[in-house]
Every structure is written in structure tokens, then in C-alpha cells.
Amino acid sequence: MTDVIKVAVLGAAGRMGSEAVEAINSAADMDLVAALGSGDAIESLEGSGAEVVVDLTVPAASEANVRYAVEHGMHAVVGTTGWDEAKLERLRALLGEHPGVGVLIAPNFAIGAVLAGKFAAAASRYFESVEVIELHHPNKLDAPSGTARHTAQQIAESRRAAGLGPSPDATESDPEGARGAVIDDVHVHAVRLRGLVAHEEILLGDTGQQLSIRHDSFDRVSFMPGVLLGVRRVGSAPGLTHGLDGYLDLD
């Protein structure tokens, strides 16, 4: 990519998209060459010169948008949720056909949230029990959040590496689903409440002690440093990167 990165934003009229448009316009090393809303055809990107496509749309549209970008040699930074393992596998296969193209799938762009997930994964090796609670506004389309799912998977991977099994749980009857979803042996609970934006709390417990790790995003502006970091790094990271922590050199 050139010194000034040419960027297109998909979902530019949404809450996240409008923040991204403002952040990119304010970045000295970026040039916003396209801002597409839900009624705009993605084919209009052809000829725009876009080097990086930022997808902040909806789960039903995201996979097709990213496929278009990759097939046209554009890197993609994706904040849209709904990327399950089947979709990620299809994307990996597609990227194998387009070496040199990079895609970042970021369950959360808030750097604090990324750090909270990494801290929780590391701490979970030393606690018998761990559960995840995610709290969002009621307009969110999916549950549990992509952030909570990613956190649970990180925790499970860390615990397996330490030789630990699932958290103890003697529940025999839960007809109403009060114990929440189980993702990779980790219980995840979703709250939807007016007034919230995006919040996650990881509870870790052992005999005589508890550790709580919590991150709160009170405004969507908190996601913009991560969006800009993704735009700046994706071109030098071919293939699929799942999680902004892949760009933070945390290890």
C-alpha cells in the first residue's frame, strides 16, 4: 500500500460506520474514497482505488462483502459479527486463492476489551471456575456477542493447554436456560438493556477468592483506535487474522 491508505467504508450510515468515516477522514495517513450505505451496490467500489475495505454492515451481508473485496485484491477490516467457524473456514480457503490479501475479523475493536480477553485467558489457568457475561444495547442483532464468543474460546484454549477441564457445575435441571450458552465448555450469559453500549465481565473463582475482569465501552468512539490500527496493519498481514490481538504483539 502507498503512504496514504485509500479506504472504503461499508455500512457508513450506521452508528459504527459513521464513527469510522469521521475517524478515517481525521487520519492524516488515510483517504476515504468510498462510503457505502445499505442501499449502495458494492460493485461501485470498482474503480474507487480502495486498498482497504472496512465492513461494518450486518451479518447477512458481511461474508459476501468480504468475498468481493478479496476477489478484487482489496484488504478487509471487518467489525461485523456473525463470523462462525464455517464462515471463517470458507474465508481461509478463499484467501488461499489470493495470496497477499489480508483480512482482519475483529470481534471487538476496543483495545481495552481485547486486553481484557487476553488477561482473562491467562488468569483462567489459575482458577477452578470461569464464566463470561456480556452486556449490550437491545438493538444488537446477535447473542452472545462475537467478543464474548472469542473470549470464551481464548479461555478454553488456555485452560486446555494447562490441562484443566470445564468449570465445575452440578446443575441437573435448567429447562429455562438460566445457565446461559456453553461455548467451548465456558458458560456465556448475554444481557440486553437500554442505556448500555458494549460491556464484558469475566468472573473467575477459586476457593476463598474471586477475580473480576471487566471492560466498558460507553461510546462507539472507543472502537476507533482499533479500526485505524486494523486499517494500518492489515496490508502487511496476508491471510486471515482473527482478533485485533493479532496486531498488538501481546505475546
Protein backbone atom coordinates (compact mmCIF):
# COMPACT_ATOMS: atom_id res chain seq x y z
CA MET A 1 0.00 0.00 0.00
CA THR A 2 1.02 3.62 -0.52
CA ASP A 3 1.85 6.00 2.32
CA VAL A 4 -1.73 7.28 2.23
CA ILE A 5 -4.12 4.33 2.51
CA LYS A 6 -7.23 4.51 0.35
CA VAL A 7 -10.16 3.25 2.42
CA ALA A 8 -13.78 2.34 1.71
CA VAL A 9 -16.35 2.00 4.50
CA LEU A 10 -19.36 -0.30 4.12
CA GLY A 11 -22.24 0.43 6.45
CA ALA A 12 -21.22 4.07 6.51
CA ALA A 13 -24.65 5.30 7.63
CA GLY A 14 -24.77 3.13 10.77
CA ARG A 15 -23.59 4.06 14.23
CA MET A 16 -20.22 2.35 13.89
CA GLY A 17 -19.89 3.24 10.23
CA SER A 18 -20.43 6.95 10.75
CA GLU A 19 -17.83 6.97 13.54
CA ALA A 20 -15.40 5.14 11.24
CA VAL A 21 -15.98 7.65 8.44
CA GLU A 22 -15.16 10.50 10.81
CA ALA A 23 -12.08 8.75 12.21
CA ILE A 24 -10.72 7.90 8.75
CA ASN A 25 -11.34 11.44 7.49
CA SER A 26 -9.37 12.72 10.51
CA ALA A 27 -6.41 10.38 9.95
CA ALA A 28 -3.56 12.04 8.07
CA ASP A 29 -2.41 8.75 6.55
CA MET A 30 -5.83 7.72 5.16
CA ASP A 31 -8.04 8.82 2.29
CA LEU A 32 -11.73 7.89 2.36
CA VAL A 33 -12.53 7.02 -1.25
CA ALA A 34 -15.97 5.45 -0.74
CA ALA A 35 -18.67 5.41 1.94
CA LEU A 36 -21.45 2.96 1.10
CA GLY A 37 -24.79 2.61 2.83
CA SER A 38 -27.18 -0.35 2.82
CA GLY A 39 -28.75 0.72 -0.46
CA ASP A 40 -25.48 1.09 -2.35
CA ALA A 41 -24.14 -1.66 -4.60
CA ILE A 42 -20.76 -2.99 -3.56
CA GLU A 43 -19.78 -3.10 -7.23
CA SER A 44 -19.44 0.67 -7.03
CA LEU A 45 -16.11 0.05 -5.26
CA GLU A 46 -14.62 -0.98 -8.58
CA GLY A 47 -12.65 1.96 -9.85
CA SER A 48 -12.61 3.68 -6.45
CA GLY A 49 -8.99 2.75 -5.87
CA ALA A 50 -9.81 1.39 -2.42
CA GLU A 51 -6.97 -0.62 -0.90
CA VAL A 52 -8.75 -1.47 2.37
CA VAL A 53 -12.46 -2.12 2.83
CA VAL A 54 -13.89 -1.62 6.33
CA ASP A 55 -17.01 -3.75 6.71
CA LEU A 56 -19.39 -2.53 9.43
CA THR A 57 -22.62 -3.85 7.97
CA VAL A 58 -24.85 -6.73 9.16
CA PRO A 59 -24.16 -10.48 9.45
CA ALA A 60 -26.33 -11.31 6.44
CA ALA A 61 -24.21 -9.12 4.13
CA SER A 62 -20.72 -9.32 5.58
CA GLU A 63 -19.48 -12.57 4.07
CA ALA A 64 -20.43 -11.54 0.53
CA ASN A 65 -18.85 -8.11 1.05
CA VAL A 66 -15.56 -9.60 2.20
CA ARG A 67 -15.57 -12.11 -0.64
CA TYR A 68 -15.96 -9.27 -3.12
CA ALA A 69 -13.09 -7.34 -1.55
CA VAL A 70 -10.73 -10.33 -1.52
CA GLU A 71 -11.56 -11.32 -5.08
CA HIS A 72 -10.77 -7.77 -6.20
CA GLY A 73 -7.45 -7.59 -4.35
CA MET A 74 -8.65 -5.36 -1.52
CA HIS A 75 -7.72 -5.98 2.09
CA ALA A 76 -10.62 -6.09 4.54
CA VAL A 77 -11.10 -4.99 8.15
CA VAL A 78 -14.31 -6.49 9.50
CA GLY A 79 -16.21 -5.48 12.61
CA THR A 80 -19.47 -7.16 11.66
CA THR A 81 -20.39 -10.06 13.92
CA GLY A 82 -21.75 -13.47 12.91
CA TRP A 83 -18.50 -14.97 11.63
CA ASP A 84 -18.81 -18.56 12.85
CA GLU A 85 -16.24 -21.27 12.20
CA ALA A 86 -17.87 -22.35 8.92
CA LYS A 87 -17.63 -18.82 7.52
CA LEU A 88 -14.05 -18.45 8.74
CA GLU A 89 -13.09 -21.71 7.02
CA ARG A 90 -14.62 -20.53 3.74
CA LEU A 91 -12.70 -17.28 4.08
CA ARG A 92 -9.42 -19.10 4.76
CA ALA A 93 -9.96 -21.15 1.61
CA LEU A 94 -10.69 -18.02 -0.42
CA LEU A 95 -7.61 -16.24 0.91
CA GLY A 96 -5.56 -19.27 -0.09
CA GLU A 97 -6.51 -18.44 -3.67
CA HIS A 98 -5.49 -14.79 -3.25
CA PRO A 99 -2.04 -14.70 -1.62
CA GLY A 100 -1.02 -11.27 -0.44
CA VAL A 101 -4.51 -10.19 0.57
CA GLY A 102 -5.14 -9.72 4.29
CA VAL A 103 -8.38 -9.85 6.24
CA LEU A 104 -8.90 -8.91 9.89
CA ILE A 105 -12.03 -10.26 11.56
CA ALA A 106 -12.26 -8.28 14.80
CA PRO A 107 -14.90 -9.34 17.34
CA ASN A 108 -14.11 -6.09 19.15
CA PHE A 109 -12.11 -3.01 18.14
CA ALA A 110 -11.81 -1.59 21.66
CA ILE A 111 -8.22 -2.20 22.69
CA GLY A 112 -9.27 -2.42 26.34
CA ALA A 113 -11.71 -5.21 25.52
CA VAL A 114 -9.03 -7.09 23.62
CA LEU A 115 -6.68 -6.79 26.58
CA ALA A 116 -9.43 -7.94 28.97
CA GLY A 117 -9.89 -11.11 26.92
CA LYS A 118 -6.17 -11.82 26.88
CA PHE A 119 -5.83 -11.17 30.62
CA ALA A 120 -8.79 -13.45 31.32
CA ALA A 121 -7.35 -16.26 29.21
CA ALA A 122 -4.06 -16.04 31.10
CA ALA A 123 -5.74 -15.86 34.51
CA SER A 124 -8.14 -18.73 33.81
CA ARG A 125 -5.28 -21.21 34.12
CA TYR A 126 -5.12 -20.47 37.85
CA PHE A 127 -8.83 -20.59 38.73
CA GLU A 128 -11.18 -23.55 39.01
CA SER A 129 -14.21 -21.69 37.66
CA VAL A 130 -14.75 -19.09 34.95
CA GLU A 131 -17.83 -17.59 33.30
CA VAL A 132 -18.40 -14.69 30.88
CA ILE A 133 -21.14 -12.05 30.96
CA GLU A 134 -21.65 -9.70 28.03
CA LEU A 135 -23.98 -6.70 28.19
CA HIS A 136 -25.17 -4.71 25.18
CA HIS A 137 -27.90 -2.38 23.94
CA PRO A 138 -31.17 -4.04 22.88
CA ASN A 139 -30.68 -3.24 19.19
CA LYS A 140 -27.84 -5.75 18.90
CA LEU A 141 -28.80 -8.50 16.45
CA ASP A 142 -26.81 -11.46 17.76
CA ALA A 143 -26.28 -13.17 21.10
CA PRO A 144 -23.89 -13.95 22.56
CA SER A 145 -21.66 -11.22 21.20
CA GLY A 146 -18.71 -12.02 18.99
CA THR A 147 -16.46 -10.59 21.70
CA ALA A 148 -17.84 -12.95 24.35
CA ARG A 149 -17.58 -15.91 21.98
CA HIS A 150 -13.96 -15.04 21.19
CA THR A 151 -13.17 -14.55 24.89
CA ALA A 152 -14.67 -17.94 25.76
CA GLN A 153 -12.63 -19.63 23.03
CA GLN A 154 -9.43 -17.97 24.25
CA ILE A 155 -10.17 -19.07 27.82
CA ALA A 156 -10.92 -22.64 26.75
CA GLU A 157 -7.70 -22.86 24.72
CA SER A 158 -5.66 -21.55 27.65
CA ARG A 159 -7.27 -23.98 30.10
CA ARG A 160 -6.77 -26.97 27.81
CA ALA A 161 -3.10 -26.07 27.47
CA ALA A 162 -2.88 -26.09 31.27
CA GLY A 163 -4.58 -29.48 31.49
CA LEU A 164 -7.78 -28.08 33.00
CA GLY A 165 -11.28 -29.26 32.23
CA PRO A 166 -14.59 -27.37 32.31
CA SER A 167 -15.62 -25.38 35.37
CA PRO A 168 -17.46 -27.49 37.96
CA ASP A 169 -21.24 -27.33 37.65
CA ALA A 170 -23.68 -29.66 39.40
CA THR A 171 -26.74 -28.33 37.53
CA GLU A 172 -29.01 -31.19 36.50
CA SER A 173 -32.12 -29.26 35.52
CA ASP A 174 -32.22 -25.98 33.60
CA PRO A 175 -35.35 -26.02 31.40
CA GLU A 176 -35.34 -22.23 31.01
CA GLY A 177 -31.68 -21.92 30.00
CA ALA A 178 -30.71 -19.89 33.05
CA ARG A 179 -27.12 -21.16 32.90
CA GLY A 180 -26.62 -19.44 29.55
CA ALA A 181 -24.90 -20.63 26.41
CA VAL A 182 -21.95 -23.02 26.59
CA ILE A 183 -19.15 -22.11 24.21
CA ASP A 184 -16.17 -24.41 24.22
CA ASP A 185 -17.08 -25.56 27.78
CA VAL A 186 -17.35 -21.94 29.03
CA HIS A 187 -20.72 -20.55 30.17
CA VAL A 188 -21.59 -17.24 28.49
CA HIS A 189 -24.51 -15.01 29.53
CA ALA A 190 -25.99 -12.21 27.42
CA VAL A 191 -27.78 -9.13 28.79
CA ARG A 192 -29.69 -6.67 26.59
CA LEU A 193 -30.58 -3.41 28.30
CA ARG A 194 -31.45 0.09 27.15
CA GLY A 195 -28.69 2.54 28.01
CA LEU A 196 -25.83 0.09 27.52
CA VAL A 197 -23.33 0.21 24.64
CA ALA A 198 -20.85 -2.68 24.88
CA HIS A 199 -19.61 -4.29 28.09
CA GLU A 200 -17.99 -7.56 29.12
CA GLU A 201 -17.18 -9.05 32.51
CA ILE A 202 -15.21 -12.25 33.10
CA LEU A 203 -15.70 -13.85 36.52
CA LEU A 204 -13.01 -16.22 37.78
CA GLY A 205 -13.38 -18.09 41.06
CA ASP A 206 -11.49 -20.45 43.31
CA THR A 207 -11.75 -21.46 46.95
CA GLY A 208 -11.77 -18.30 49.02
CA GLN A 209 -11.21 -15.83 46.18
CA GLN A 210 -12.70 -14.25 43.09
CA LEU A 211 -11.20 -12.19 40.28
CA SER A 212 -13.37 -9.99 38.05
CA ILE A 213 -12.05 -8.54 34.79
CA ARG A 214 -14.38 -6.00 33.21
CA HIS A 215 -14.28 -3.68 30.22
CA ASP A 216 -16.86 -0.99 29.41
CA SER A 217 -17.32 0.92 26.18
CA PHE A 218 -19.55 3.91 26.90
CA ASP A 219 -19.25 5.40 23.41
CA ARG A 220 -18.51 3.93 20.00
CA VAL A 221 -15.60 6.32 19.66
CA SER A 222 -13.76 3.81 21.89
CA PHE A 223 -13.62 1.42 18.92
CA MET A 224 -11.95 3.83 16.51
CA PRO A 225 -8.28 3.44 17.55
CA GLY A 226 -8.69 -0.28 16.87
CA VAL A 227 -10.32 0.35 13.49
CA LEU A 228 -7.46 2.63 12.46
CA LEU A 229 -4.88 0.14 13.72
CA GLY A 230 -6.55 -2.57 11.64
CA VAL A 231 -6.52 -0.41 8.52
CA ARG A 232 -2.84 0.36 9.01
CA ARG A 233 -1.75 -3.24 9.70
CA VAL A 234 -3.96 -5.44 7.51
CA GLY A 235 -1.95 -4.88 4.33
CA SER A 236 1.20 -6.26 5.94
CA ALA A 237 -0.56 -9.33 7.37
CA PRO A 238 -1.64 -11.58 4.47
CA GLY A 239 -4.23 -14.24 5.16
CA LEU A 240 -6.76 -14.27 7.98
CA THR A 241 -6.20 -12.64 11.36
CA HIS A 242 -8.99 -13.39 13.84
CA GLY A 243 -8.98 -10.85 16.63
CA LEU A 244 -7.29 -7.48 16.96
CA ASP A 245 -4.88 -9.05 19.45
CA GLY A 246 -3.13 -10.50 16.40
CA TYR A 247 -1.86 -6.98 15.68
CA LEU A 248 -0.95 -5.99 19.25
CA ASP A 249 2.16 -8.12 19.83
CA LEU A 250 0.82 -9.12 23.24
CA ASP A 251 2.77 -12.40 23.49
